[in-house]
C-alpha cells in the first residue's frame, strides 16, 4: 500500500518492531480521527512519496544540525 500511514508504520517497524509500530499507528490514527471530528475537516491522503520526502528533509536538517554542533560543515556531493 503506497500510503503515508503505511510508510510511517514500516519506518517505525524497522526501527522499533511490530508491536511498537502498531501502537504508534493506532495513536496516529486516533489523533487524526480526533482532529477530523473536532475541526470538521476532510482527510486528504498525501501519499507515500510526499511522506518519504518529508522524512528525508527532516533527516537532512538533523544531520546539518548535528554536524554544526561538532564544528563541521556538510556540502553536497558532486554528481
PDB file of N, CA and C in Angstrom:
ATOM      1  N   UNK A   1       0.852  -1.174   0.000  1.00  0.00           N
ATOM      2  CA  UNK A   1       0.000   0.000   0.000  1.00  0.00           C
ATOM      3  C   UNK A   1       0.896   1.234   0.000  1.00  0.00           C
ATOM      4  N   UNK A   2       0.714   2.096  -0.977  1.00  0.00           N
ATOM      5  CA  UNK A   2       1.534   3.294  -1.100  1.00  0.00           C
ATOM      6  C   UNK A   2       0.846   4.485  -0.452  1.00  0.00           C
ATOM      7  N   UNK A   3       0.692   4.413   0.846  1.00  0.00           N
ATOM      8  CA  UNK A   3       0.062   5.489   1.604  1.00  0.00           C
ATOM      9  C   UNK A   3       1.043   5.990   2.656  1.00  0.00           C
ATOM     10  N   UNK A   4       0.880   7.234   3.075  1.00  0.00           N
ATOM     11  CA  UNK A   4       1.774   7.819   4.067  1.00  0.00           C
ATOM     12  C   UNK A   4       1.708   7.062   5.387  1.00  0.00           C
ATOM     13  N   UNK A   5       0.512   6.651   5.797  1.00  0.00           N
ATOM     14  CA  UNK A   5       0.393   5.922   7.063  1.00  0.00           C
ATOM     15  C   UNK A   5       1.090   4.568   6.985  1.00  0.00           C
ATOM     16  N   UNK A   6       1.049   3.930   5.818  1.00  0.00           N
ATOM     17  CA  UNK A   6       1.764   2.673   5.630  1.00  0.00           C
ATOM     18  C   UNK A   6       3.270   2.879   5.711  1.00  0.00           C
ATOM     19  N   UNK A   7       3.750   3.960   5.119  1.00  0.00           N
ATOM     20  CA  UNK A   7       5.174   4.291   5.197  1.00  0.00           C
ATOM     21  C   UNK A   7       5.600   4.577   6.622  1.00  0.00           C
ATOM     22  N   UNK A   8       4.755   5.286   7.357  1.00  0.00           N
ATOM     23  CA  UNK A   8       5.034   5.566   8.769  1.00  0.00           C
ATOM     24  C   UNK A   8       5.155   4.263   9.547  1.00  0.00           C
ATOM     25  N   UNK A   9       4.203   3.352   9.329  1.00  0.00           N
ATOM     26  CA  UNK A   9       4.219   2.067  10.026  1.00  0.00           C
ATOM     27  C   UNK A   9       5.499   1.289   9.708  1.00  0.00           C
ATOM     28  N   UNK A  10       5.854   1.212   8.431  1.00  0.00           N
ATOM     29  CA  UNK A  10       7.045   0.450   8.045  1.00  0.00           C
ATOM     30  C   UNK A  10       8.320   1.065   8.605  1.00  0.00           C
ATOM     31  N   UNK A  11       8.386   2.400   8.657  1.00  0.00           N
ATOM     32  CA  UNK A  11       9.578   3.061   9.198  1.00  0.00           C
ATOM     33  C   UNK A  11       9.729   2.757  10.681  1.00  0.00           C
ATOM     34  N   UNK A  12       8.643   2.847  11.440  1.00  0.00           N
ATOM     35  CA  UNK A  12       8.696   2.561  12.873  1.00  0.00           C
ATOM     36  C   UNK A  12       8.961   1.077  13.105  1.00  0.00           C
ATOM     37  N   UNK A  13       8.336   0.210  12.329  1.00  0.00           N
ATOM     38  CA  UNK A  13       8.519  -1.235  12.485  1.00  0.00           C
ATOM     39  C   UNK A  13       9.978  -1.621  12.267  1.00  0.00           C
ATOM     40  N   UNK A  14      10.627  -0.998  11.312  1.00  0.00           N
ATOM     41  CA  UNK A  14      12.032  -1.285  11.045  1.00  0.00           C
ATOM     42  C   UNK A  14      12.947  -0.877  12.181  1.00  0.00           C
ATOM     43  N   UNK A  15      12.590   0.177  12.892  1.00  0.00           N
ATOM     44  CA  UNK A  15      13.437   0.668  13.981  1.00  0.00           C
ATOM     45  C   UNK A  15      13.089   0.056  15.319  1.00  0.00           C
ATOM     46  N   UNK A  16      11.800  -0.099  15.610  1.00  0.00           N
ATOM     47  CA  UNK A  16      11.372  -0.459  16.960  1.00  0.00           C
ATOM     48  C   UNK A  16      10.620  -1.775  17.071  1.00  0.00           C
ATOM     49  N   UNK A  17      10.204  -2.356  15.953  1.00  0.00           N
ATOM     50  CA  UNK A  17       9.475  -3.616  15.986  1.00  0.00           C
ATOM     51  C   UNK A  17       7.986  -3.428  15.726  1.00  0.00           C
ATOM     52  N   UNK A  18       7.324  -4.558  15.475  1.00  0.00           N
ATOM     53  CA  UNK A  18       5.924  -4.526  15.080  1.00  0.00           C
ATOM     54  C   UNK A  18       4.968  -4.060  16.152  1.00  0.00           C
ATOM     55  N   UNK A  19       5.194  -4.465  17.406  1.00  0.00           N
ATOM     56  CA  UNK A  19       4.267  -4.074  18.473  1.00  0.00           C
ATOM     57  C   UNK A  19       4.286  -2.570  18.704  1.00  0.00           C
ATOM     58  N   UNK A  20       5.474  -1.992  18.734  1.00  0.00           N
ATOM     59  CA  UNK A  20       5.588  -0.546  18.932  1.00  0.00           C
ATOM     60  C   UNK A  20       4.997   0.187  17.729  1.00  0.00           C
ATOM     61  N   UNK A  21       5.236  -0.346  16.535  1.00  0.00           N
ATOM     62  CA  UNK A  21       4.692   0.280  15.327  1.00  0.00           C
ATOM     63  C   UNK A  21       3.166   0.244  15.332  1.00  0.00           C
ATOM     64  N   UNK A  22       2.585  -0.868  15.783  1.00  0.00           N
ATOM     65  CA  UNK A  22       1.121  -0.952  15.872  1.00  0.00           C
ATOM     66  C   UNK A  22       0.575   0.105  16.815  1.00  0.00           C
ATOM     67  N   UNK A  23       1.199   0.251  17.960  1.00  0.00           N
ATOM     68  CA  UNK A  23       0.747   1.237  18.940  1.00  0.00           C
ATOM     69  C   UNK A  23       0.912   2.656  18.400  1.00  0.00           C
ATOM     70  N   UNK A  24       2.047   2.927  17.757  1.00  0.00           N
ATOM     71  CA  UNK A  24       2.290   4.260  17.207  1.00  0.00           C
ATOM     72  C   UNK A  24       1.276   4.599  16.115  1.00  0.00           C
ATOM     73  N   UNK A  25       0.974   3.626  15.267  1.00  0.00           N
ATOM     74  CA  UNK A  25      -0.003   3.867  14.204  1.00  0.00           C
ATOM     75  C   UNK A  25      -1.403   4.052  14.778  1.00  0.00           C
ATOM     76  N   UNK A  26      -1.745   3.267  15.797  1.00  0.00           N
ATOM     77  CA  UNK A  26      -3.057   3.419  16.435  1.00  0.00           C
ATOM     78  C   UNK A  26      -3.199   4.809  17.036  1.00  0.00           C
ATOM     79  N   UNK A  27      -2.138   5.297  17.674  1.00  0.00           N
ATOM     80  CA  UNK A  27      -2.187   6.636  18.257  1.00  0.00           C
ATOM     81  C   UNK A  27      -2.317   7.698  17.166  1.00  0.00           C
ATOM     82  N   UNK A  28      -1.548   7.533  16.095  1.00  0.00           N
ATOM     83  CA  UNK A  28      -1.611   8.496  14.993  1.00  0.00           C
ATOM     84  C   UNK A  28      -3.013   8.528  14.380  1.00  0.00           C
ATOM     85  N   UNK A  29      -3.621   7.354  14.213  1.00  0.00           N
ATOM     86  CA  UNK A  29      -4.978   7.294  13.670  1.00  0.00           C
ATOM     87  C   UNK A  29      -5.992   7.928  14.623  1.00  0.00           C
ATOM     88  N   UNK A  30      -5.829   7.680  15.927  1.00  0.00           N
ATOM     89  CA  UNK A  30      -6.743   8.270  16.909  1.00  0.00           C
ATOM     90  C   UNK A  30      -6.631   9.792  16.905  1.00  0.00           C
ATOM     91  N   UNK A  31      -5.397  10.313  16.841  1.00  0.00           N
ATOM     92  CA  UNK A  31      -5.202  11.761  16.804  1.00  0.00           C
ATOM     93  C   UNK A  31      -5.791  12.351  15.526  1.00  0.00           C
ATOM     94  N   UNK A  32      -5.582  11.669  14.409  1.00  0.00           N
ATOM     95  CA  UNK A  32      -6.126  12.127  13.134  1.00  0.00           C
ATOM     96  C   UNK A  32      -7.653  12.146  13.174  1.00  0.00           C
ATOM     97  N   UNK A  33      -8.249  11.077  13.688  1.00  0.00           N
ATOM     98  CA  UNK A  33      -9.703  10.999  13.805  1.00  0.00           C
ATOM     99  C   UNK A  33     -10.231  12.124  14.696  1.00  0.00           C
ATOM    100  N   UNK A  34      -9.568  12.368  15.816  1.00  0.00           N
ATOM    101  CA  UNK A  34      -9.995  13.423  16.737  1.00  0.00           C
ATOM    102  C   UNK A  34      -9.953  14.782  16.042  1.00  0.00           C
ATOM    103  N   UNK A  35      -8.835  15.064  15.330  1.00  0.00           N
ATOM    104  CA  UNK A  35      -8.726  16.341  14.628  1.00  0.00           C
ATOM    105  C   UNK A  35      -9.815  16.494  13.570  1.00  0.00           C
ATOM    106  N   UNK A  36     -10.110  15.409  12.876  1.00  0.00           N
ATOM    107  CA  UNK A  36     -11.154  15.468  11.848  1.00  0.00           C
ATOM    108  C   UNK A  36     -12.522  15.743  12.458  1.00  0.00           C
ATOM    109  N   UNK A  37     -12.826  15.113  13.585  1.00  0.00           N
ATOM    110  CA  UNK A  37     -14.125  15.281  14.226  1.00  0.00           C
ATOM    111  C   UNK A  37     -14.257  16.652  14.886  1.00  0.00           C
ATOM    112  N   UNK A  38     -13.213  17.113  15.543  1.00  0.00           N
ATOM    113  CA  UNK A  38     -13.281  18.384  16.267  1.00  0.00           C
ATOM    114  C   UNK A  38     -13.321  19.568  15.302  1.00  0.00           C
ATOM    115  N   UNK A  39     -12.476  19.534  14.281  1.00  0.00           N
ATOM    116  CA  UNK A  39     -12.371  20.676  13.378  1.00  0.00           C
ATOM    117  C   UNK A  39     -13.246  20.539  12.132  1.00  0.00           C
ATOM    118  N   UNK A  40     -13.829  19.368  11.914  1.00  0.00           N
ATOM    119  CA  UNK A  40     -14.752  19.179  10.802  1.00  0.00           C
ATOM    120  C   UNK A  40     -14.126  19.292   9.427  1.00  0.00           C
ATOM    121  N   UNK A  41     -12.870  18.907   9.299  1.00  0.00           N
ATOM    122  CA  UNK A  41     -12.213  18.966   8.001  1.00  0.00           C
ATOM    123  C   UNK A  41     -12.176  17.573   7.381  1.00  0.00           C
ATOM    124  N   UNK A  42     -11.874  17.508   6.101  1.00  0.00           N
ATOM    125  CA  UNK A  42     -11.767  16.210   5.434  1.00  0.00           C
ATOM    126  C   UNK A  42     -10.302  15.810   5.341  1.00  0.00           C
ATOM    127  N   UNK A  43     -10.063  14.513   5.387  1.00  0.00           N
ATOM    128  CA  UNK A  43      -8.707  13.979   5.319  1.00  0.00           C
ATOM    129  C   UNK A  43      -8.311  13.795   3.864  1.00  0.00           C
ATOM    130  N   UNK A  44      -7.146  14.292   3.511  1.00  0.00           N
ATOM    131  CA  UNK A  44      -6.621  14.130   2.162  1.00  0.00           C
ATOM    132  C   UNK A  44      -5.301  13.373   2.272  1.00  0.00           C
ATOM    133  N   UNK A  45      -5.259  12.178   1.710  1.00  0.00           N
ATOM    134  CA  UNK A  45      -4.047  11.356   1.743  1.00  0.00           C
ATOM    135  C   UNK A  45      -2.977  12.014   0.878  1.00  0.00           C
ATOM    136  N   UNK A  46      -1.814  12.271   1.454  1.00  0.00           N
ATOM    137  CA  UNK A  46      -0.732  12.932   0.733  1.00  0.00           C
ATOM    138  C   UNK A  46       0.111  11.954  -0.077  1.00  0.00           C
ATOM    139  N   UNK A  47       0.067  10.685   0.276  1.00  0.00           N
ATOM    140  CA  UNK A  47       0.803   9.674  -0.484  1.00  0.00           C
ATOM    141  C   UNK A  47       2.162   9.372   0.112  1.00  0.00           C
ATOM    142  N   UNK A  48       2.669   8.222  -0.261  1.00  0.00           N
ATOM    143  CA  UNK A  48       3.935   7.738   0.273  1.00  0.00           C
ATOM    144  C   UNK A  48       5.103   8.603  -0.171  1.00  0.00           C
ATOM    145  N   UNK A  49       5.096   9.049  -1.421  1.00  0.00           N
ATOM    146  CA  UNK A  49       6.212   9.848  -1.937  1.00  0.00           C
ATOM    147  C   UNK A  49       6.379  11.138  -1.139  1.00  0.00           C
ATOM    148  N   UNK A  50       5.294  11.826  -0.885  1.00  0.00           N
ATOM    149  CA  UNK A  50       5.353  13.075  -0.119  1.00  0.00           C
ATOM    150  C   UNK A  50       5.834  12.808   1.303  1.00  0.00           C
ATOM    151  N   UNK A  51       5.362  11.701   1.907  1.00  0.00           N
ATOM    152  CA  UNK A  51       5.797  11.333   3.252  1.00  0.00           C
ATOM    153  C   UNK A  51       7.301  11.058   3.276  1.00  0.00           C
ATOM    154  N   UNK A  52       7.801  10.312   2.292  1.00  0.00           N
ATOM    155  CA  UNK A  52       9.227   9.996   2.248  1.00  0.00           C
ATOM    156  C   UNK A  52      10.066  11.248   2.028  1.00  0.00           C
ATOM    157  N   UNK A  53       9.572  12.203   1.229  1.00  0.00           N
ATOM    158  CA  UNK A  53      10.279  13.471   1.042  1.00  0.00           C
ATOM    159  C   UNK A  53      10.361  14.235   2.357  1.00  0.00           C
ATOM    160  N   UNK A  54       9.268  14.244   3.114  1.00  0.00           N
ATOM    161  CA  UNK A  54       9.249  14.933   4.402  1.00  0.00           C
ATOM    162  C   UNK A  54      10.238  14.291   5.371  1.00  0.00           C
ATOM    163  N   UNK A  55      10.284  12.958   5.400  1.00  0.00           N
ATOM    164  CA  UNK A  55      11.220  12.247   6.276  1.00  0.00           C
ATOM    165  C   UNK A  55      12.654  12.569   5.869  1.00  0.00           C
ATOM    166  N   UNK A  56      12.942  12.588   4.560  1.00  0.00           N
ATOM    167  CA  UNK A  56      14.286  12.885   4.070  1.00  0.00           C
ATOM    168  C   UNK A  56      14.704  14.306   4.458  1.00  0.00           C
ATOM    169  N   UNK A  57      13.790  15.272   4.353  1.00  0.00           N
ATOM    170  CA  UNK A  57      14.102  16.647   4.745  1.00  0.00           C
ATOM    171  C   UNK A  57      14.390  16.735   6.236  1.00  0.00           C
ATOM    172  N   UNK A  58      13.616  16.021   7.037  1.00  0.00           N
ATOM    173  CA  UNK A  58      13.831  16.015   8.482  1.00  0.00           C
ATOM    174  C   UNK A  58      15.189  15.415   8.817  1.00  0.00           C
ATOM    175  N   UNK A  59      15.547  14.307   8.164  1.00  0.00           N
ATOM    176  CA  UNK A  59      16.844  13.677   8.403  1.00  0.00           C
ATOM    177  C   UNK A  59      17.981  14.603   7.990  1.00  0.00           C
ATOM    178  N   UNK A  60      17.809  15.314   6.878  1.00  0.00           N
ATOM    179  CA  UNK A  60      18.841  16.228   6.411  1.00  0.00           C
ATOM    180  C   UNK A  60      19.038  17.379   7.397  1.00  0.00           C
ATOM    181  N   UNK A  61      17.944  17.950   7.902  1.00  0.00           N
ATOM    182  CA  UNK A  61      18.057  19.016   8.901  1.00  0.00           C
ATOM    183  C   UNK A  61      18.778  18.520  10.147  1.00  0.00           C
ATOM    184  N   UNK A  62      18.464  17.298  10.571  1.00  0.00           N
ATOM    185  CA  UNK A  62      19.108  16.719  11.740  1.00  0.00           C
ATOM    186  C   UNK A  62      20.604  16.552  11.510  1.00  0.00           C
ATOM    187  N   UNK A  63      20.992  16.064  10.330  1.00  0.00           N
ATOM    188  CA  UNK A  63      22.410  15.892  10.023  1.00  0.00           C
ATOM    189  C   UNK A  63      23.149  17.226  10.012  1.00  0.00           C
ATOM    190  N   UNK A  64      22.549  18.239   9.410  1.00  0.00           N
ATOM    191  CA  UNK A  64      23.177  19.562   9.360  1.00  0.00           C
ATOM    192  C   UNK A  64      23.345  20.116  10.767  1.00  0.00           C
ATOM    193  N   UNK A  65      22.321  19.975  11.598  1.00  0.00           N
ATOM    194  CA  UNK A  65      22.384  20.465  12.970  1.00  0.00           C
ATOM    195  C   UNK A  65      23.451  19.719  13.771  1.00  0.00           C
ATOM    196  N   UNK A  66      23.520  18.407  13.606  1.00  0.00           N
ATOM    197  CA  UNK A  66      24.498  17.598  14.324  1.00  0.00           C
ATOM    198  C   UNK A  66      25.919  17.927  13.871  1.00  0.00           C
ATOM    199  N   UNK A  67      26.117  18.101  12.565  1.00  0.00           N
ATOM    200  CA  UNK A  67      27.437  18.464  12.050  1.00  0.00           C
ATOM    201  C   UNK A  67      27.853  19.831  12.579  1.00  0.00           C
ATOM    202  N   UNK A  68      26.932  20.774  12.587  1.00  0.00           N
ATOM    203  CA  UNK A  68      27.220  22.114  13.100  1.00  0.00           C
ATOM    204  C   UNK A  68      27.597  22.068  14.572  1.00  0.00           C
ATOM    205  N   UNK A  69      26.923  21.232  15.322  1.00  0.00           N
ATOM    206  CA  UNK A  69      27.210  21.088  16.751  1.00  0.00           C
ATOM    207  C   UNK A  69      28.646  20.623  16.978  1.00  0.00           C
ATOM    208  N   UNK A  70      29.157  19.811  16.067  1.00  0.00           N
ATOM    209  CA  UNK A  70      30.509  19.277  16.196  1.00  0.00           C
ATOM    210  C   UNK A  70      31.526  20.059  15.369  1.00  0.00           C
ATOM    211  N   UNK A  71      31.149  21.251  14.903  1.00  0.00           N
ATOM    212  CA  UNK A  71      32.066  22.124  14.190  1.00  0.00           C
ATOM    213  C   UNK A  71      32.354  21.704  12.756  1.00  0.00           C
ATOM    214  N   UNK A  72      31.462  20.976  12.140  1.00  0.00           N
ATOM    215  CA  UNK A  72      31.651  20.524  10.763  1.00  0.00           C
ATOM    216  C   UNK A  72      30.646  21.217   9.853  1.00  0.00           C
ATOM    217  N   UNK A  73      30.967  21.222   8.565  1.00  0.00           N
ATOM    218  CA  UNK A  73      30.071  21.787   7.563  1.00  0.00           C
ATOM    219  C   UNK A  73      29.799  20.705   6.526  1.00  0.00           C
ATOM    220  N   UNK A  74      28.544  20.467   6.226  1.00  0.00           N
ATOM    221  CA  UNK A  74      28.170  19.482   5.215  1.00  0.00           C
ATOM    222  C   UNK A  74      28.035  20.171   3.867  1.00  0.00           C
ATOM    223  N   UNK A  75      28.601  19.540   2.845  1.00  0.00           N
ATOM    224  CA  UNK A  75      28.481  20.054   1.485  1.00  0.00           C
ATOM    225  C   UNK A  75      27.889  18.965   0.610  1.00  0.00           C
ATOM    226  N   UNK A  76      27.073  19.329  -0.366  1.00  0.00           N
ATOM    227  CA  UNK A  76      26.522  18.320  -1.273  1.00  0.00           C
ATOM    228  C   UNK A  76      27.636  17.664  -2.086  1.00  0.00           C
ATOM    229  N   UNK A  77      27.489  16.382  -2.328  1.00  0.00           N
ATOM    230  CA  UNK A  77      28.473  15.644  -3.100  1.00  0.00           C
ATOM    231  C   UNK A  77      28.263  15.917  -4.580  1.00  0.00           C
ATOM    232  N   UNK A  78      29.359  16.108  -5.315  1.00  0.00           N
ATOM    233  CA  UNK A  78      29.265  16.356  -6.753  1.00  0.00           C
ATOM    234  C   UNK A  78      28.800  15.087  -7.461  1.00  0.00           C
ATOM    235  N   UNK A  79      27.933  15.227  -8.482  1.00  0.00           N
ATOM    236  CA  UNK A  79      27.429  14.028  -9.189  1.00  0.00           C
ATOM    237  C   UNK A  79      28.493  13.337 -10.011  1.00  0.00           C
TER     238      UNK A  79
END
